[in-house]
Amino acid sequence: MIIGSVDIIQKNNSVYTICNIDTYKQCSRFLLLFQSFLRINPNINPNLSDIINNNNDDNNDNNNFNNNNDNVKNRNIYSIQKYPYLYCSSFITSLDEYILSNPFTIDTATLLLRSLYVQVQFFFENNMAISFIDLNDIMTIDGTQFYFCNVDKMYSMKKNKTITITNFYDTNNHFIPPELRDNSMMPFSTSYTSSFYSLAIIILFCLHYSHKVDTVDTSIITVSNSTILSVVTKPVDLSVYQYILDKYQHSKLYYSLMLCLVPDPTQRKLFIM
């Protein structure tokens, strides 16, 4: 299955292999993505620490062989592919597939928020940020762990805390922030906080979708991935989610979401209350 920019293949009941679709081109970012997995949950793959150590050895070699970039890239690919396994007790799937058959509660929303908060902070520490997030960019393991999985949306952060987006995107995407939706130029520079808005909309969408499924007779109306896609290809209308915000207005989640939804990206914050 493809989640974000990674291909995940089930080997047996509890072991999956994972590789980047374009490993050679995005090797360093893929490694950073793996390291962020480890920051969220060190047990996702006990051998990831070996991958990191191998890569650090390669970087030390690179200091001595700056003119041999191809060899460095090949060594990095080998060290990533040496242990390409993820472990789970039940299943691995994308978030859009997960919400088709599983309830998405405020507790699930909090788990998702906390997981991606850890990843975002890890990327920030490594001068990297995410442009925006789609439902299919998020992998869930056993429905209790969530991971952003798209290196194509990871950009180097400049000293002024901005990123320059060079990949084209759909301005009608349901989860893009206002500054990306209103933009008509490429490349485009924006604040490193642009993905905070996406994360908040994803959480609201999942809560909203789960609520709709709970109130629909699924024996009469089929709930499928096409149901989701019919919504996520339209620009977001926050008024649709106001009842969700009202419902949880006294929760810690509410205040975290409201900080992410600030229209001005320079004033946005991602906090765990």
C-alpha atoms as a PDB file:
ATOM      1  CA  MET A   1       0.000   0.000   0.000  1.00  0.00           C
ATOM      2  CA  ILE A   2       1.131   3.561  -0.704  1.00  0.00           C
ATOM      3  CA  ILE A   3       0.925   6.036   2.176  1.00  0.00           C
ATOM      4  CA  GLY A   4       2.279   9.483   1.419  1.00  0.00           C
ATOM      5  CA  SER A   5       5.543   8.843  -0.416  1.00  0.00           C
ATOM      6  CA  VAL A   6       6.286   5.425   1.088  1.00  0.00           C
ATOM      7  CA  ASP A   7       5.404   1.924  -0.035  1.00  0.00           C
ATOM      8  CA  ILE A   8       4.466  -0.453   2.788  1.00  0.00           C
ATOM      9  CA  ILE A   9       4.211  -4.195   2.151  1.00  0.00           C
ATOM     10  CA  GLN A  10       2.955  -6.736   4.671  1.00  0.00           C
ATOM     11  CA  LYS A  11       5.385  -9.643   5.144  1.00  0.00           C
ATOM     12  CA  ASN A  12       3.444 -11.516   7.835  1.00  0.00           C
ATOM     13  CA  ASN A  13       0.902 -10.806  10.575  1.00  0.00           C
ATOM     14  CA  SER A  14       3.102  -8.349  12.448  1.00  0.00           C
ATOM     15  CA  VAL A  15       5.946  -7.328  10.141  1.00  0.00           C
ATOM     16  CA  TYR A  16       5.839  -4.839   7.269  1.00  0.00           C
ATOM     17  CA  THR A  17       8.604  -3.612   4.982  1.00  0.00           C
ATOM     18  CA  ILE A  18       8.781   0.090   4.208  1.00  0.00           C
ATOM     19  CA  CYS A  19      10.639   1.991   1.518  1.00  0.00           C
ATOM     20  CA  ASN A  20      10.462   5.382  -0.094  1.00  0.00           C
ATOM     21  CA  ILE A  21       9.033   5.406  -3.616  1.00  0.00           C
ATOM     22  CA  ASP A  22      11.955   7.588  -4.718  1.00  0.00           C
ATOM     23  CA  THR A  23      14.588   6.449  -2.217  1.00  0.00           C
ATOM     24  CA  TYR A  24      17.654   7.442  -4.198  1.00  0.00           C
ATOM     25  CA  LYS A  25      16.519  11.021  -4.772  1.00  0.00           C
ATOM     26  CA  GLN A  26      15.222  11.733  -1.256  1.00  0.00           C
ATOM     27  CA  CYS A  27      17.515   9.540   0.799  1.00  0.00           C
ATOM     28  CA  SER A  28      18.439  12.049   3.525  1.00  0.00           C
ATOM     29  CA  ARG A  29      14.839  13.128   4.032  1.00  0.00           C
ATOM     30  CA  PHE A  30      13.678   9.535   4.162  1.00  0.00           C
ATOM     31  CA  LEU A  31      16.235   8.851   6.853  1.00  0.00           C
ATOM     32  CA  LEU A  32      15.029  11.899   8.785  1.00  0.00           C
ATOM     33  CA  LEU A  33      11.478  10.604   8.438  1.00  0.00           C
ATOM     34  CA  PHE A  34      12.584   7.274   9.925  1.00  0.00           C
ATOM     35  CA  GLN A  35      14.269   9.065  12.784  1.00  0.00           C
ATOM     36  CA  SER A  36      11.043  10.940  13.517  1.00  0.00           C
ATOM     37  CA  PHE A  37       9.242   7.578  13.740  1.00  0.00           C
ATOM     38  CA  LEU A  38      11.749   6.533  16.348  1.00  0.00           C
ATOM     39  CA  ARG A  39      11.184   9.752  18.297  1.00  0.00           C
ATOM     40  CA  ILE A  40       7.457   8.965  18.517  1.00  0.00           C
ATOM     41  CA  ASN A  41       7.897   5.296  19.368  1.00  0.00           C
ATOM     42  CA  PRO A  42      11.349   3.685  19.822  1.00  0.00           C
ATOM     43  CA  ASN A  43       9.754   0.240  19.579  1.00  0.00           C
ATOM     44  CA  ILE A  44       8.428   0.709  16.060  1.00  0.00           C
ATOM     45  CA  ASN A  45      11.679  -0.855  14.862  1.00  0.00           C
ATOM     46  CA  PRO A  46      14.427  -1.713  17.380  1.00  0.00           C
ATOM     47  CA  ASN A  47      16.985  -1.605  14.565  1.00  0.00           C
ATOM     48  CA  LEU A  48      16.309   1.994  13.563  1.00  0.00           C
ATOM     49  CA  SER A  49      19.031   3.113  15.956  1.00  0.00           C
ATOM     50  CA  ASP A  50      21.455   1.030  13.880  1.00  0.00           C
ATOM     51  CA  ILE A  51      20.267   2.787  10.750  1.00  0.00           C
ATOM     52  CA  ILE A  52      20.943   6.148  12.351  1.00  0.00           C
ATOM     53  CA  ASN A  53      24.372   5.088  13.558  1.00  0.00           C
ATOM     54  CA  ASN A  54      25.238   3.751  10.119  1.00  0.00           C
ATOM     55  CA  ASN A  55      24.166   7.012   8.545  1.00  0.00           C
ATOM     56  CA  ASN A  56      26.230   9.015  11.023  1.00  0.00           C
ATOM     57  CA  ASP A  57      29.226   6.910  10.033  1.00  0.00           C
ATOM     58  CA  ASP A  58      28.473   7.719   6.421  1.00  0.00           C
ATOM     59  CA  ASN A  59      28.292  11.420   7.228  1.00  0.00           C
ATOM     60  CA  ASN A  60      31.693  11.206   8.894  1.00  0.00           C
ATOM     61  CA  ASP A  61      33.024   9.554   5.770  1.00  0.00           C
ATOM     62  CA  ASN A  62      31.454  12.310   3.743  1.00  0.00           C
ATOM     63  CA  ASN A  63      33.597  14.860   5.537  1.00  0.00           C
ATOM     64  CA  ASN A  64      36.635  13.085   4.094  1.00  0.00           C
ATOM     65  CA  PHE A  65      35.173  12.446   0.650  1.00  0.00           C
ATOM     66  CA  ASN A  66      33.140  15.521  -0.234  1.00  0.00           C
ATOM     67  CA  ASN A  67      33.609  14.976  -3.940  1.00  0.00           C
ATOM     68  CA  ASN A  68      32.095  11.495  -3.989  1.00  0.00           C
ATOM     69  CA  ASN A  69      28.400  12.267  -3.495  1.00  0.00           C
ATOM     70  CA  ASP A  70      27.108   9.235  -5.391  1.00  0.00           C
ATOM     71  CA  ASN A  71      28.965   6.821  -3.121  1.00  0.00           C
ATOM     72  CA  VAL A  72      27.637   8.586  -0.036  1.00  0.00           C
ATOM     73  CA  LYS A  73      24.086   8.355  -1.357  1.00  0.00           C
ATOM     74  CA  ASN A  74      24.509   4.661  -2.112  1.00  0.00           C
ATOM     75  CA  ARG A  75      25.823   3.952   1.382  1.00  0.00           C
ATOM     76  CA  ASN A  76      22.891   5.814   2.895  1.00  0.00           C
ATOM     77  CA  ILE A  77      20.419   3.835   0.823  1.00  0.00           C
ATOM     78  CA  TYR A  78      22.043   0.605   1.937  1.00  0.00           C
ATOM     79  CA  SER A  79      21.872   1.612   5.593  1.00  0.00           C
ATOM     80  CA  ILE A  80      18.186   2.519   5.254  1.00  0.00           C
ATOM     81  CA  GLN A  81      17.297  -0.655   3.400  1.00  0.00           C
ATOM     82  CA  LYS A  82      19.263  -2.861   5.779  1.00  0.00           C
ATOM     83  CA  TYR A  83      16.404  -2.894   8.303  1.00  0.00           C
ATOM     84  CA  PRO A  84      13.279  -1.830   6.364  1.00  0.00           C
ATOM     85  CA  TYR A  85      10.801  -3.266   8.860  1.00  0.00           C
ATOM     86  CA  LEU A  86       7.947  -1.900  10.941  1.00  0.00           C
ATOM     87  CA  TYR A  87       6.322  -3.938  13.687  1.00  0.00           C
ATOM     88  CA  CYS A  88       2.685  -3.923  14.777  1.00  0.00           C
ATOM     89  CA  SER A  89       0.355  -6.136  16.765  1.00  0.00           C
ATOM     90  CA  SER A  90      -2.688  -5.724  14.548  1.00  0.00           C
ATOM     91  CA  PHE A  91      -2.520  -3.600  11.366  1.00  0.00           C
ATOM     92  CA  ILE A  92      -0.935  -0.724   9.466  1.00  0.00           C
ATOM     93  CA  THR A  93      -3.030   1.480   7.220  1.00  0.00           C
ATOM     94  CA  SER A  94      -3.495   5.064   6.043  1.00  0.00           C
ATOM     95  CA  LEU A  95      -5.685   7.452   7.993  1.00  0.00           C
ATOM     96  CA  ASP A  96      -8.258   7.726   5.206  1.00  0.00           C
ATOM     97  CA  GLU A  97      -8.695   3.937   5.187  1.00  0.00           C
ATOM     98  CA  TYR A  98      -8.710   3.768   8.983  1.00  0.00           C
ATOM     99  CA  ILE A  99     -11.667   6.111   9.458  1.00  0.00           C
ATOM    100  CA  LEU A 100     -13.778   4.072   7.031  1.00  0.00           C
ATOM    101  CA  SER A 101     -14.204   1.271   9.551  1.00  0.00           C
ATOM    102  CA  ASN A 102     -13.027   2.631  12.907  1.00  0.00           C
ATOM    103  CA  PRO A 103     -14.470   5.257  15.247  1.00  0.00           C
ATOM    104  CA  PHE A 104     -12.447   8.451  15.481  1.00  0.00           C
ATOM    105  CA  THR A 105     -12.988   9.825  18.976  1.00  0.00           C
ATOM    106  CA  ILE A 106     -11.546  12.760  20.882  1.00  0.00           C
ATOM    107  CA  ASP A 107      -9.066  10.305  22.401  1.00  0.00           C
ATOM    108  CA  THR A 108      -7.970   9.231  18.909  1.00  0.00           C
ATOM    109  CA  ALA A 109      -7.725  12.885  17.897  1.00  0.00           C
ATOM    110  CA  THR A 110      -5.489  13.581  20.890  1.00  0.00           C
ATOM    111  CA  LEU A 111      -3.223  10.649  19.984  1.00  0.00           C
ATOM    112  CA  LEU A 112      -2.926  11.955  16.432  1.00  0.00           C
ATOM    113  CA  LEU A 113      -2.179  15.482  17.628  1.00  0.00           C
ATOM    114  CA  ARG A 114       0.465  14.308  20.093  1.00  0.00           C
ATOM    115  CA  SER A 115       2.166  12.041  17.551  1.00  0.00           C
ATOM    116  CA  LEU A 116       2.459  14.688  14.874  1.00  0.00           C
ATOM    117  CA  TYR A 117       3.492  17.283  17.445  1.00  0.00           C
ATOM    118  CA  VAL A 118       6.499  15.098  18.258  1.00  0.00           C
ATOM    119  CA  GLN A 119       7.323  14.718  14.560  1.00  0.00           C
ATOM    120  CA  VAL A 120       6.964  18.432  13.837  1.00  0.00           C
ATOM    121  CA  GLN A 121       9.219  19.290  16.769  1.00  0.00           C
ATOM    122  CA  PHE A 122      11.788  16.758  15.592  1.00  0.00           C
ATOM    123  CA  PHE A 123      11.746  18.227  12.089  1.00  0.00           C
ATOM    124  CA  PHE A 124      12.065  21.741  13.539  1.00  0.00           C
ATOM    125  CA  GLU A 125      15.156  20.682  15.481  1.00  0.00           C
ATOM    126  CA  ASN A 126      16.599  19.483  12.187  1.00  0.00           C
ATOM    127  CA  ASN A 127      15.658  22.633  10.219  1.00  0.00           C
ATOM    128  CA  MET A 128      12.904  20.894   8.325  1.00  0.00           C
ATOM    129  CA  ALA A 129       9.162  21.591   8.045  1.00  0.00           C
ATOM    130  CA  ILE A 130       6.067  20.183   6.330  1.00  0.00           C
ATOM    131  CA  SER A 131       4.199  22.216   3.701  1.00  0.00           C
ATOM    132  CA  PHE A 132       0.744  20.687   4.274  1.00  0.00           C
ATOM    133  CA  ILE A 133      -0.784  17.320   5.128  1.00  0.00           C
ATOM    134  CA  ASP A 134      -3.357  15.093   3.428  1.00  0.00           C
ATOM    135  CA  LEU A 135      -5.293  12.199   4.939  1.00  0.00           C
ATOM    136  CA  ASN A 136      -3.210   9.763   2.918  1.00  0.00           C
ATOM    137  CA  ASP A 137       0.035  11.279   4.230  1.00  0.00           C
ATOM    138  CA  ILE A 138      -0.646   9.792   7.663  1.00  0.00           C
ATOM    139  CA  MET A 139       0.015   6.169   8.596  1.00  0.00           C
ATOM    140  CA  THR A 140      -1.600   4.583  11.623  1.00  0.00           C
ATOM    141  CA  ILE A 141      -0.262   1.507  13.389  1.00  0.00           C
ATOM    142  CA  ASP A 142      -2.860  -0.425  15.392  1.00  0.00           C
ATOM    143  CA  GLY A 143      -5.019   2.706  15.532  1.00  0.00           C
ATOM    144  CA  THR A 144      -2.942   4.004  18.445  1.00  0.00           C
ATOM    145  CA  GLN A 145       0.122   5.417  16.673  1.00  0.00           C
ATOM    146  CA  PHE A 146       0.148   7.993  13.888  1.00  0.00           C
ATOM    147  CA  TYR A 147       3.006   9.027  11.602  1.00  0.00           C
ATOM    148  CA  PHE A 148       3.388  11.600   8.827  1.00  0.00           C
ATOM    149  CA  CYS A 149       4.894   9.741   5.843  1.00  0.00           C
ATOM    150  CA  ASN A 150       5.552  12.041   2.876  1.00  0.00           C
ATOM    151  CA  VAL A 151       9.085  13.221   2.165  1.00  0.00           C
ATOM    152  CA  ASP A 152       7.833  15.156  -0.888  1.00  0.00           C
ATOM    153  CA  LYS A 153       6.195  17.632   1.491  1.00  0.00           C
ATOM    154  CA  MET A 154       9.272  18.074   3.682  1.00  0.00           C
ATOM    155  CA  TYR A 155      11.226  21.280   3.014  1.00  0.00           C
ATOM    156  CA  SER A 156      14.378  22.787   4.457  1.00  0.00           C
ATOM    157  CA  MET A 157      13.656  25.639   6.836  1.00  0.00           C
ATOM    158  CA  LYS A 158      15.494  28.924   6.413  1.00  0.00           C
ATOM    159  CA  LYS A 159      16.854  31.124   9.183  1.00  0.00           C
ATOM    160  CA  ASN A 160      13.705  33.268   9.099  1.00  0.00           C
ATOM    161  CA  LYS A 161      11.628  30.116   9.741  1.00  0.00           C
ATOM    162  CA  THR A 162      10.156  29.940   6.267  1.00  0.00           C
ATOM    163  CA  ILE A 163      10.082  27.176   3.691  1.00  0.00           C
ATOM    164  CA  THR A 164      10.029  27.496  -0.092  1.00  0.00           C
ATOM    165  CA  ILE A 165       7.490  25.171  -1.684  1.00  0.00           C
ATOM    166  CA  THR A 166       8.562  23.946  -5.110  1.00  0.00           C
ATOM    167  CA  ASN A 167       6.112  21.100  -5.757  1.00  0.00           C
ATOM    168  CA  PHE A 168       2.779  21.958  -7.349  1.00  0.00           C
ATOM    169  CA  TYR A 169      -0.387  21.241  -5.378  1.00  0.00           C
ATOM    170  CA  ASP A 170      -4.165  21.395  -5.823  1.00  0.00           C
ATOM    171  CA  THR A 171      -5.539  24.697  -4.503  1.00  0.00           C
ATOM    172  CA  ASN A 172      -8.898  22.974  -3.993  1.00  0.00           C
ATOM    173  CA  ASN A 173      -7.362  20.498  -1.577  1.00  0.00           C
ATOM    174  CA  HIS A 174      -9.531  20.406   1.536  1.00  0.00           C
ATOM    175  CA  PHE A 175      -6.599  20.480   3.955  1.00  0.00           C
ATOM    176  CA  ILE A 176      -4.336  23.231   2.655  1.00  0.00           C
ATOM    177  CA  PRO A 177      -4.032  26.427   4.715  1.00  0.00           C
ATOM    178  CA  PRO A 178      -5.385  29.766   3.429  1.00  0.00           C
ATOM    179  CA  GLU A 179      -1.982  31.078   2.364  1.00  0.00           C
ATOM    180  CA  LEU A 180      -1.485  28.104   0.019  1.00  0.00           C
ATOM    181  CA  ARG A 181      -5.059  28.211  -1.231  1.00  0.00           C
ATOM    182  CA  ASP A 182      -4.773  31.906  -2.180  1.00  0.00           C
ATOM    183  CA  ASN A 183      -1.335  31.596  -3.732  1.00  0.00           C
ATOM    184  CA  SER A 184      -0.877  31.614  -7.513  1.00  0.00           C
ATOM    185  CA  MET A 185       2.917  31.631  -7.802  1.00  0.00           C
ATOM    186  CA  MET A 186       5.596  28.952  -7.732  1.00  0.00           C
ATOM    187  CA  PRO A 187       7.968  28.632  -6.032  1.00  0.00           C
ATOM    188  CA  PHE A 188       6.214  29.982  -2.963  1.00  0.00           C
ATOM    189  CA  SER A 189       7.674  30.911   0.419  1.00  0.00           C
ATOM    190  CA  THR A 190       5.610  30.623   3.563  1.00  0.00           C
ATOM    191  CA  SER A 191       5.929  30.107   7.294  1.00  0.00           C
ATOM    192  CA  TYR A 192       6.998  26.724   8.655  1.00  0.00           C
ATOM    193  CA  THR A 193       3.614  26.653  10.460  1.00  0.00           C
ATOM    194  CA  SER A 194       1.580  25.989   7.310  1.00  0.00           C
ATOM    195  CA  SER A 195       1.095  22.305   8.181  1.00  0.00           C
ATOM    196  CA  PHE A 196      -0.392  23.183  11.597  1.00  0.00           C
ATOM    197  CA  TYR A 197      -3.548  24.371   9.847  1.00  0.00           C
ATOM    198  CA  SER A 198      -3.723  21.150   7.810  1.00  0.00           C
ATOM    199  CA  LEU A 199      -3.390  19.031  10.934  1.00  0.00           C
ATOM    200  CA  ALA A 200      -6.270  20.844  12.634  1.00  0.00           C
ATOM    201  CA  ILE A 201      -8.543  20.429   9.608  1.00  0.00           C
ATOM    202  CA  ILE A 202      -7.668  16.729   9.358  1.00  0.00           C
ATOM    203  CA  ILE A 203      -8.634  16.196  12.994  1.00  0.00           C
ATOM    204  CA  LEU A 204     -11.894  18.116  12.552  1.00  0.00           C
ATOM    205  CA  PHE A 205     -12.668  16.219   9.360  1.00  0.00           C
ATOM    206  CA  CYS A 206     -12.090  12.824  11.010  1.00  0.00           C
ATOM    207  CA  LEU A 207     -14.271  13.737  13.997  1.00  0.00           C
ATOM    208  CA  HIS A 208     -16.946  15.046  11.631  1.00  0.00           C
ATOM    209  CA  TYR A 209     -16.778  12.000   9.345  1.00  0.00           C
ATOM    210  CA  SER A 210     -16.934   9.584  12.271  1.00  0.00           C
ATOM    211  CA  HIS A 211     -19.951  11.453  13.632  1.00  0.00           C
ATOM    212  CA  LYS A 212     -21.696  11.212  10.249  1.00  0.00           C
ATOM    213  CA  VAL A 213     -21.058   7.465  10.015  1.00  0.00           C
ATOM    214  CA  ASP A 214     -22.467   6.985  13.509  1.00  0.00           C
ATOM    215  CA  THR A 215     -25.707   8.706  12.490  1.00  0.00           C
ATOM    216  CA  VAL A 216     -26.110   6.980   9.110  1.00  0.00           C
ATOM    217  CA  ASP A 217     -27.672   3.582   8.476  1.00  0.00           C
ATOM    218  CA  THR A 218     -24.759   1.986   6.595  1.00  0.00           C
ATOM    219  CA  SER A 219     -27.032  -0.826   5.392  1.00  0.00           C
ATOM    220  CA  ILE A 220     -28.809   1.813   3.277  1.00  0.00           C
ATOM    221  CA  ILE A 221     -25.952   4.233   2.486  1.00  0.00           C
ATOM    222  CA  THR A 222     -22.582   2.756   1.577  1.00  0.00           C
ATOM    223  CA  VAL A 223     -19.675   4.493   3.279  1.00  0.00           C
ATOM    224  CA  SER A 224     -16.568   4.195   1.123  1.00  0.00           C
ATOM    225  CA  ASN A 225     -13.351   5.921   0.199  1.00  0.00           C
ATOM    226  CA  SER A 226     -15.211   7.722  -2.595  1.00  0.00           C
ATOM    227  CA  THR A 227     -17.389   9.330   0.088  1.00  0.00           C
ATOM    228  CA  ILE A 228     -14.280  10.850   1.604  1.00  0.00           C
ATOM    229  CA  LEU A 229     -12.773  11.867  -1.721  1.00  0.00           C
ATOM    230  CA  SER A 230     -15.931  13.750  -2.703  1.00  0.00           C
ATOM    231  CA  VAL A 231     -15.331  16.025   0.265  1.00  0.00           C
ATOM    232  CA  VAL A 232     -11.566  16.378   0.380  1.00  0.00           C
ATOM    233  CA  THR A 233     -11.367  17.659  -3.205  1.00  0.00           C
ATOM    234  CA  LYS A 234     -13.324  20.764  -2.194  1.00  0.00           C
ATOM    235  CA  PRO A 235     -11.922  23.819  -0.348  1.00  0.00           C
ATOM    236  CA  VAL A 236     -12.517  23.781   3.376  1.00  0.00           C
ATOM    237  CA  ASP A 237     -15.495  25.590   4.889  1.00  0.00           C
ATOM    238  CA  LEU A 238     -14.792  25.944   8.594  1.00  0.00           C
ATOM    239  CA  SER A 239     -18.458  26.569   9.353  1.00  0.00           C
ATOM    240  CA  VAL A 240     -19.101  22.876   8.605  1.00  0.00           C
ATOM    241  CA  TYR A 241     -16.944  21.994  11.585  1.00  0.00           C
ATOM    242  CA  GLN A 242     -18.251  24.615  13.979  1.00  0.00           C
ATOM    243  CA  TYR A 243     -20.497  22.111  15.757  1.00  0.00           C
ATOM    244  CA  ILE A 244     -17.431  19.949  16.440  1.00  0.00           C
ATOM    245  CA  LEU A 245     -15.569  22.920  17.896  1.00  0.00           C
ATOM    246  CA  ASP A 246     -18.629  23.837  19.980  1.00  0.00           C
ATOM    247  CA  LYS A 247     -18.954  20.273  21.217  1.00  0.00           C
ATOM    248  CA  TYR A 248     -15.363  20.178  22.501  1.00  0.00           C
ATOM    249  CA  GLN A 249     -14.954  23.849  23.426  1.00  0.00           C
ATOM    250  CA  HIS A 250     -14.120  23.008  27.038  1.00  0.00           C
ATOM    251  CA  SER A 251     -11.498  20.419  26.117  1.00  0.00           C
ATOM    252  CA  LYS A 252      -7.737  20.813  25.826  1.00  0.00           C
ATOM    253  CA  LEU A 253      -8.006  19.629  22.228  1.00  0.00           C
ATOM    254  CA  TYR A 254     -10.191  22.624  21.379  1.00  0.00           C
ATOM    255  CA  TYR A 255      -7.545  25.148  22.424  1.00  0.00           C
ATOM    256  CA  SER A 256      -4.822  23.298  20.549  1.00  0.00           C
ATOM    257  CA  LEU A 257      -6.929  23.278  17.380  1.00  0.00           C
ATOM    258  CA  MET A 258      -7.808  26.959  17.644  1.00  0.00           C
ATOM    259  CA  LEU A 259      -4.116  27.892  17.856  1.00  0.00           C
ATOM    260  CA  CYS A 260      -3.491  25.874  14.684  1.00  0.00           C
ATOM    261  CA  LEU A 261      -6.388  27.513  12.844  1.00  0.00           C
ATOM    262  CA  VAL A 262      -5.209  31.109  13.216  1.00  0.00           C
ATOM    263  CA  PRO A 263      -5.408  32.609   9.686  1.00  0.00           C
ATOM    264  CA  ASP A 264      -2.089  34.455   9.997  1.00  0.00           C
ATOM    265  CA  PRO A 265       0.621  31.749   9.685  1.00  0.00           C
ATOM    266  CA  THR A 266       3.124  33.819  11.665  1.00  0.00           C
ATOM    267  CA  GLN A 267       0.783  33.687  14.672  1.00  0.00           C
ATOM    268  CA  ARG A 268      -0.026  29.980  14.462  1.00  0.00           C
ATOM    269  CA  LYS A 269       1.198  27.654  17.171  1.00  0.00           C
ATOM    270  CA  LEU A 270       1.211  23.915  17.742  1.00  0.00           C
ATOM    271  CA  PHE A 271       0.910  23.210  21.449  1.00  0.00           C
ATOM    272  CA  ILE A 272      -0.131  20.188  23.464  1.00  0.00           C
ATOM    273  CA  MET A 273      -2.303  21.441  26.290  1.00  0.00           C
END
